[in-house]
N, C-alpha and C. Protein backbone atom coordinates (compact mmCIF):
# COMPACT_ATOMS: atom_id res chain seq x y z
N MET A 1 19.83 -2.52 24.13
CA MET A 1 18.63 -1.70 24.21
C MET A 1 18.15 -0.93 22.75
N GLN A 2 19.59 -0.95 22.20
CA GLN A 2 19.54 -0.19 21.30
C GLN A 2 18.88 -1.08 19.97
N MET A 3 19.21 -2.31 20.22
CA MET A 3 18.77 -3.15 19.32
C MET A 3 17.02 -3.15 19.22
N THR A 4 16.75 -3.18 20.15
CA THR A 4 14.96 -3.34 20.36
C THR A 4 14.46 -2.23 19.83
N LYS A 5 15.16 -0.93 19.84
CA LYS A 5 14.56 0.39 19.62
C LYS A 5 14.45 0.13 17.78
N LEU A 6 15.95 -0.31 17.22
CA LEU A 6 15.93 -0.33 15.81
C LEU A 6 14.96 -1.33 15.27
N ARG A 7 14.68 -2.67 15.87
CA ARG A 7 13.67 -3.75 15.40
C ARG A 7 12.14 -2.99 15.34
N ILE A 8 11.70 -2.31 16.62
CA ILE A 8 10.81 -1.88 16.38
C ILE A 8 10.48 -0.72 15.28
N LEU A 9 11.35 0.08 15.48
CA LEU A 9 11.63 1.12 13.90
C LEU A 9 11.34 0.76 12.69
N ILE A 10 11.84 -0.42 12.33
CA ILE A 10 11.76 -1.49 11.06
C ILE A 10 10.47 -2.10 10.98
N LEU A 11 9.90 -2.32 12.34
CA LEU A 11 8.79 -3.26 12.32
C LEU A 11 7.54 -2.13 11.66
N ILE A 12 7.63 -0.60 12.55
CA ILE A 12 6.69 0.34 12.17
C ILE A 12 6.78 0.78 10.31
N ILE A 13 8.11 0.83 9.92
CA ILE A 13 7.99 1.11 8.73
C ILE A 13 7.78 0.31 7.65
N ILE A 14 7.90 -1.26 8.04
CA ILE A 14 7.10 -2.48 7.57
C ILE A 14 5.75 -2.20 7.41
N GLY A 15 5.11 -1.83 8.69
CA GLY A 15 3.52 -1.78 8.51
C GLY A 15 3.35 -0.62 7.66
N ILE A 16 4.00 0.36 7.89
CA ILE A 16 3.02 1.53 7.04
C ILE A 16 3.36 1.16 5.65
N ILE A 17 4.45 0.53 5.01
CA ILE A 17 4.37 0.20 3.92
C ILE A 17 3.77 -0.74 3.29
N ALA A 18 3.38 -2.11 3.93
CA ALA A 18 2.07 -2.57 3.97
C ALA A 18 0.74 -2.13 3.67
N PHE A 19 0.40 -1.37 4.89
CA PHE A 19 -0.52 -1.02 4.97
C PHE A 19 -0.62 -0.32 3.37
N ILE A 20 -0.46 0.56 2.90
CA ILE A 20 -0.07 1.58 1.63
C ILE A 20 -0.29 0.43 0.57
N LEU A 21 0.64 -0.72 0.67
CA LEU A 21 0.45 -1.71 -0.58
C LEU A 21 -0.95 -2.05 -0.54
N GLY A 22 -1.16 -2.40 0.56
CA GLY A 22 -2.63 -2.98 0.70
C GLY A 22 -3.70 -2.28 -0.01
N ARG A 23 -3.88 -0.65 0.43
CA ARG A 23 -4.72 -0.09 0.24
C ARG A 23 -4.95 -0.13 -1.35
N LEU A 24 -3.78 0.22 -1.66
CA LEU A 24 -3.63 0.29 -3.48
C LEU A 24 -3.78 -0.89 -4.07
N ALA A 25 -3.65 -2.12 -3.62
CA ALA A 25 -4.02 -3.55 -3.76
C ALA A 25 -5.53 -3.61 -4.11
N VAL A 26 -6.16 -3.31 -3.02
CA VAL A 26 -7.65 -3.23 -2.85
C VAL A 26 -8.46 -2.06 -4.10
N ARG A 27 -7.59 -1.24 -4.36
CA ARG A 27 -8.39 -0.01 -5.19
C ARG A 27 -8.15 -0.54 -6.51
N ALA A 28 -6.89 -1.05 -6.75
CA ALA A 28 -6.71 -1.86 -8.21
C ALA A 28 -7.56 -2.52 -8.55
N PHE A 29 -7.94 -3.77 -7.63
CA PHE A 29 -8.93 -4.76 -7.75
C PHE A 29 -10.09 -4.29 -8.09
N LEU A 30 -10.68 -3.34 -7.08
CA LEU A 30 -12.28 -2.52 -7.36
C LEU A 30 -12.07 -1.96 -8.89
N ASN A 31 -10.99 -0.94 -9.19
CA ASN A 31 -10.98 -0.60 -10.38
C ASN A 31 -10.89 -1.82 -11.64
N PHE A 32 -10.45 -2.56 -11.38
CA PHE A 32 -10.55 -3.54 -12.38
C PHE A 32 -11.57 -4.17 -12.82
N LEU A 33 -12.53 -4.53 -11.25
CA LEU A 33 -13.76 -4.90 -11.49
C LEU A 33 -14.79 -3.94 -12.30
N VAL A 34 -14.60 -2.56 -11.84
CA VAL A 34 -15.42 -1.72 -12.21
C VAL A 34 -15.38 -1.39 -13.87
N GLY A 35 -14.12 -1.82 -14.12
CA GLY A 35 -13.61 -1.41 -15.30
C GLY A 35 -12.84 0.02 -15.86
N GLY A 36 -12.53 0.59 -14.62
CA GLY A 36 -12.22 2.19 -14.79
C GLY A 36 -10.47 2.06 -14.61
N THR A 37 -10.03 3.09 -14.70
CA THR A 37 -8.51 3.20 -14.80
C THR A 37 -7.90 3.48 -13.54
N LEU A 38 -6.64 3.02 -12.90
CA LEU A 38 -6.52 3.19 -11.61
C LEU A 38 -6.15 4.60 -10.97
N PHE A 39 -5.58 5.25 -11.85
CA PHE A 39 -5.72 6.79 -11.05
C PHE A 39 -6.20 8.18 -11.73
N GLY A 40 -7.25 7.43 -12.16
CA GLY A 40 -8.55 8.41 -13.10
C GLY A 40 -7.67 8.94 -14.24
N GLY A 41 -8.84 9.20 -15.22
CA GLY A 41 -8.55 9.44 -16.74
C GLY A 41 -8.43 8.41 -17.66
N ASN A 42 -8.59 8.94 -18.99
CA ASN A 42 -8.19 7.85 -19.77
C ASN A 42 -7.03 7.29 -20.46
N PHE A 43 -6.69 6.35 -20.78
CA PHE A 43 -5.35 5.89 -21.47
C PHE A 43 -5.43 6.33 -22.71
N LEU A 44 -6.75 6.25 -23.49
CA LEU A 44 -6.77 6.32 -24.85
C LEU A 44 -6.92 7.91 -25.42
């Protein structure tokens, strides 16, 4: 029973991380297409 709870918890954590990284990847790709910077502002 303990292993099942641990496995579910690990899957939830991996899902959250994958969701965040997926959002960041989409945002980076769209910013690359538009030509803007990723987190706003200018580098120069």
